[in-house]
Amino acid sequence: QVQLVESGGGLVQTGESLRLSCEAPKTIFTILGMGWYRQAPGKQRELVAHITETGVTNYADSVRGRFTNCRDSAKDAVWHEMNSLKPEATAFYYCHAESYSGSVSVGGAWGPGTQVTVSS
């Protein structure tokens, strides 16, 4: 089982920035895609951003152009830069990693989550 460690998050005002970090220290598995999901109260968890092991990124339409993902595959770490934040970005943010043992998937791993609150 891959253990993910998250950091970042907090309370900011509209228009400000936050940076989330996630890494899988001491994992024996191969980490391929990594992503960030968020879940607001009363809503379903949604994909915010995804980055492959080769650095190809994909973003939700609502954040494209304002959020940026980058990773260090050697450290199984990903950073999520969120700029020009809006109140609707308020949610619990979760890191997700696709882990493999050789070519066999061992399932996705979730971080414990971190709260992001954007005040208006």
C-alpha atoms as a PDB file:
ATOM      1  CA  GLN A   1       0.000   0.000   0.000  1.00  0.00           C
ATOM      2  CA  VAL A   2       1.347   3.392  -1.004  1.00  0.00           C
ATOM      3  CA  GLN A   3       1.286   6.045   1.716  1.00  0.00           C
ATOM      4  CA  LEU A   4       0.890   9.609   0.477  1.00  0.00           C
ATOM      5  CA  VAL A   5       1.973  12.631   2.496  1.00  0.00           C
ATOM      6  CA  GLU A   6       0.340  15.960   1.717  1.00  0.00           C
ATOM      7  CA  SER A   7       1.191  19.491   2.784  1.00  0.00           C
ATOM      8  CA  GLY A   8      -0.026  22.979   2.013  1.00  0.00           C
ATOM      9  CA  GLY A   9      -3.568  24.230   2.026  1.00  0.00           C
ATOM     10  CA  GLY A  10      -5.027  26.793   4.367  1.00  0.00           C
ATOM     11  CA  LEU A  11      -7.102  29.948   4.322  1.00  0.00           C
ATOM     12  CA  VAL A  12      -6.577  32.651   1.694  1.00  0.00           C
ATOM     13  CA  GLN A  13      -8.520  35.510   0.176  1.00  0.00           C
ATOM     14  CA  THR A  14      -9.949  35.653  -3.316  1.00  0.00           C
ATOM     15  CA  GLY A  15      -7.226  36.169  -5.895  1.00  0.00           C
ATOM     16  CA  GLU A  16      -4.433  34.806  -3.753  1.00  0.00           C
ATOM     17  CA  SER A  17      -2.370  31.663  -4.341  1.00  0.00           C
ATOM     18  CA  LEU A  18      -1.676  28.393  -2.552  1.00  0.00           C
ATOM     19  CA  ARG A  19       0.639  25.509  -3.203  1.00  0.00           C
ATOM     20  CA  LEU A  20      -0.126  21.901  -2.335  1.00  0.00           C
ATOM     21  CA  SER A  21       2.516  19.197  -2.186  1.00  0.00           C
ATOM     22  CA  CYS A  22       2.227  15.435  -2.189  1.00  0.00           C
ATOM     23  CA  GLU A  23       4.813  12.703  -2.102  1.00  0.00           C
ATOM     24  CA  ALA A  24       5.060   8.971  -1.630  1.00  0.00           C
ATOM     25  CA  PRO A  25       8.161   8.491   0.526  1.00  0.00           C
ATOM     26  CA  LYS A  26       9.818   5.105   0.793  1.00  0.00           C
ATOM     27  CA  THR A  27       7.425   3.389  -1.565  1.00  0.00           C
ATOM     28  CA  ILE A  28       8.472   0.116  -3.122  1.00  0.00           C
ATOM     29  CA  PHE A  29       5.933   0.494  -5.899  1.00  0.00           C
ATOM     30  CA  THR A  30       6.153   2.361  -9.177  1.00  0.00           C
ATOM     31  CA  ILE A  31       4.088   5.532  -9.215  1.00  0.00           C
ATOM     32  CA  LEU A  32       2.678   6.449 -12.614  1.00  0.00           C
ATOM     33  CA  GLY A  33      -0.045   9.091 -12.844  1.00  0.00           C
ATOM     34  CA  MET A  34      -0.631  11.442  -9.927  1.00  0.00           C
ATOM     35  CA  GLY A  35      -3.563  13.746  -9.498  1.00  0.00           C
ATOM     36  CA  TRP A  36      -5.430  16.128  -7.263  1.00  0.00           C
ATOM     37  CA  TYR A  37      -9.111  15.794  -6.501  1.00  0.00           C
ATOM     38  CA  ARG A  38     -11.331  18.013  -4.407  1.00  0.00           C
ATOM     39  CA  GLN A  39     -14.579  17.599  -2.582  1.00  0.00           C
ATOM     40  CA  ALA A  40     -16.717  20.476  -1.406  1.00  0.00           C
ATOM     41  CA  PRO A  41     -19.455  20.019   1.216  1.00  0.00           C
ATOM     42  CA  GLY A  42     -22.479  18.325  -0.302  1.00  0.00           C
ATOM     43  CA  LYS A  43     -20.731  17.665  -3.603  1.00  0.00           C
ATOM     44  CA  GLN A  44     -19.032  14.713  -5.223  1.00  0.00           C
ATOM     45  CA  ARG A  45     -15.278  14.382  -5.385  1.00  0.00           C
ATOM     46  CA  GLU A  46     -13.996  15.759  -8.683  1.00  0.00           C
ATOM     47  CA  LEU A  47     -10.718  15.626 -10.569  1.00  0.00           C
ATOM     48  CA  VAL A  48      -8.884  18.941 -10.568  1.00  0.00           C
ATOM     49  CA  ALA A  49      -5.589  18.072 -12.219  1.00  0.00           C
ATOM     50  CA  HIS A  50      -3.630  15.035 -13.349  1.00  0.00           C
ATOM     51  CA  ILE A  51      -0.047  14.547 -14.400  1.00  0.00           C
ATOM     52  CA  THR A  52       1.447  11.451 -15.973  1.00  0.00           C
ATOM     53  CA  GLU A  53       4.837   9.964 -15.182  1.00  0.00           C
ATOM     54  CA  THR A  54       6.189  11.752 -18.254  1.00  0.00           C
ATOM     55  CA  GLY A  55       4.815  15.142 -17.218  1.00  0.00           C
ATOM     56  CA  VAL A  56       1.737  15.336 -19.420  1.00  0.00           C
ATOM     57  CA  THR A  57      -0.892  17.364 -17.593  1.00  0.00           C
ATOM     58  CA  ASN A  58      -4.657  17.589 -17.750  1.00  0.00           C
ATOM     59  CA  TYR A  59      -6.840  20.073 -15.910  1.00  0.00           C
ATOM     60  CA  ALA A  60     -10.505  20.566 -15.172  1.00  0.00           C
ATOM     61  CA  ASP A  61     -12.011  23.326 -17.300  1.00  0.00           C
ATOM     62  CA  SER A  62     -12.772  25.363 -14.191  1.00  0.00           C
ATOM     63  CA  VAL A  63      -9.085  25.652 -13.224  1.00  0.00           C
ATOM     64  CA  ARG A  64      -7.232  25.497 -16.534  1.00  0.00           C
ATOM     65  CA  GLY A  65      -4.913  28.468 -16.898  1.00  0.00           C
ATOM     66  CA  ARG A  66      -4.851  29.191 -13.153  1.00  0.00           C
ATOM     67  CA  PHE A  67      -3.676  25.898 -11.647  1.00  0.00           C
ATOM     68  CA  THR A  68      -0.409  24.172 -12.531  1.00  0.00           C
ATOM     69  CA  ASN A  69       0.875  20.696 -11.724  1.00  0.00           C
ATOM     70  CA  CYS A  70       4.471  19.602 -11.838  1.00  0.00           C
ATOM     71  CA  ARG A  71       6.267  16.567 -10.476  1.00  0.00           C
ATOM     72  CA  ASP A  72       9.570  15.027  -9.580  1.00  0.00           C
ATOM     73  CA  SER A  73       9.192  11.424 -10.654  1.00  0.00           C
ATOM     74  CA  ALA A  74      12.463  10.431  -9.000  1.00  0.00           C
ATOM     75  CA  LYS A  75      10.967  11.451  -5.661  1.00  0.00           C
ATOM     76  CA  ASP A  76       7.387  10.414  -6.456  1.00  0.00           C
ATOM     77  CA  ALA A  77       6.341  13.961  -5.602  1.00  0.00           C
ATOM     78  CA  VAL A  78       3.863  16.342  -7.194  1.00  0.00           C
ATOM     79  CA  TRP A  79       3.203  20.030  -6.605  1.00  0.00           C
ATOM     80  CA  HIS A  80      -0.062  21.787  -7.282  1.00  0.00           C
ATOM     81  CA  GLU A  81       0.159  25.555  -7.712  1.00  0.00           C
ATOM     82  CA  MET A  82      -3.212  27.282  -7.440  1.00  0.00           C
ATOM     83  CA  ASN A  83      -3.353  30.908  -8.553  1.00  0.00           C
ATOM     84  CA  SER A  84      -6.147  33.476  -8.713  1.00  0.00           C
ATOM     85  CA  LEU A  85      -8.181  31.442  -6.293  1.00  0.00           C
ATOM     86  CA  LYS A  86     -11.928  31.877  -6.156  1.00  0.00           C
ATOM     87  CA  PRO A  87     -14.347  31.081  -3.304  1.00  0.00           C
ATOM     88  CA  GLU A  88     -15.718  28.130  -5.300  1.00  0.00           C
ATOM     89  CA  ALA A  89     -12.326  26.458  -4.935  1.00  0.00           C
ATOM     90  CA  THR A  90     -13.054  25.948  -1.248  1.00  0.00           C
ATOM     91  CA  ALA A  91     -12.913  22.202  -0.656  1.00  0.00           C
ATOM     92  CA  PHE A  92     -10.935  19.340   0.806  1.00  0.00           C
ATOM     93  CA  TYR A  93      -8.152  18.480  -1.631  1.00  0.00           C
ATOM     94  CA  TYR A  94      -6.871  14.941  -2.000  1.00  0.00           C
ATOM     95  CA  CYS A  95      -3.747  13.642  -3.700  1.00  0.00           C
ATOM     96  CA  HIS A  96      -4.095  10.417  -5.679  1.00  0.00           C
ATOM     97  CA  ALA A  97      -1.421   8.116  -7.072  1.00  0.00           C
ATOM     98  CA  GLU A  98      -1.639   5.204  -9.492  1.00  0.00           C
ATOM     99  CA  SER A  99       0.737   2.568  -8.226  1.00  0.00           C
ATOM    100  CA  TYR A 100       2.131  -0.528  -9.916  1.00  0.00           C
ATOM    101  CA  SER A 101       4.235  -3.514  -9.056  1.00  0.00           C
ATOM    102  CA  GLY A 102       5.959  -4.150 -12.337  1.00  0.00           C
ATOM    103  CA  SER A 103       3.164  -4.037 -14.891  1.00  0.00           C
ATOM    104  CA  VAL A 104       0.460  -5.021 -12.421  1.00  0.00           C
ATOM    105  CA  SER A 105      -1.695  -2.317 -10.866  1.00  0.00           C
ATOM    106  CA  VAL A 106      -1.830  -2.395  -7.090  1.00  0.00           C
ATOM    107  CA  GLY A 107      -4.574   0.170  -7.053  1.00  0.00           C
ATOM    108  CA  GLY A 108      -4.873   3.861  -6.430  1.00  0.00           C
ATOM    109  CA  ALA A 109      -3.704   5.457  -3.219  1.00  0.00           C
ATOM    110  CA  TRP A 110      -5.267   8.489  -1.568  1.00  0.00           C
ATOM    111  CA  GLY A 111      -3.707  11.055   0.677  1.00  0.00           C
ATOM    112  CA  PRO A 112      -5.480  12.100   3.886  1.00  0.00           C
ATOM    113  CA  GLY A 113      -6.572  15.387   2.311  1.00  0.00           C
ATOM    114  CA  THR A 114      -5.965  19.016   3.104  1.00  0.00           C
ATOM    115  CA  GLN A 115      -8.457  21.841   3.499  1.00  0.00           C
ATOM    116  CA  VAL A 116      -8.387  24.835   1.166  1.00  0.00           C
ATOM    117  CA  THR A 117     -10.617  27.755   2.054  1.00  0.00           C
ATOM    118  CA  VAL A 118     -10.951  30.869  -0.103  1.00  0.00           C
ATOM    119  CA  SER A 119     -12.729  33.791   1.494  1.00  0.00           C
ATOM    120  CA  SER A 120     -14.560  36.382  -0.575  1.00  0.00           C
END
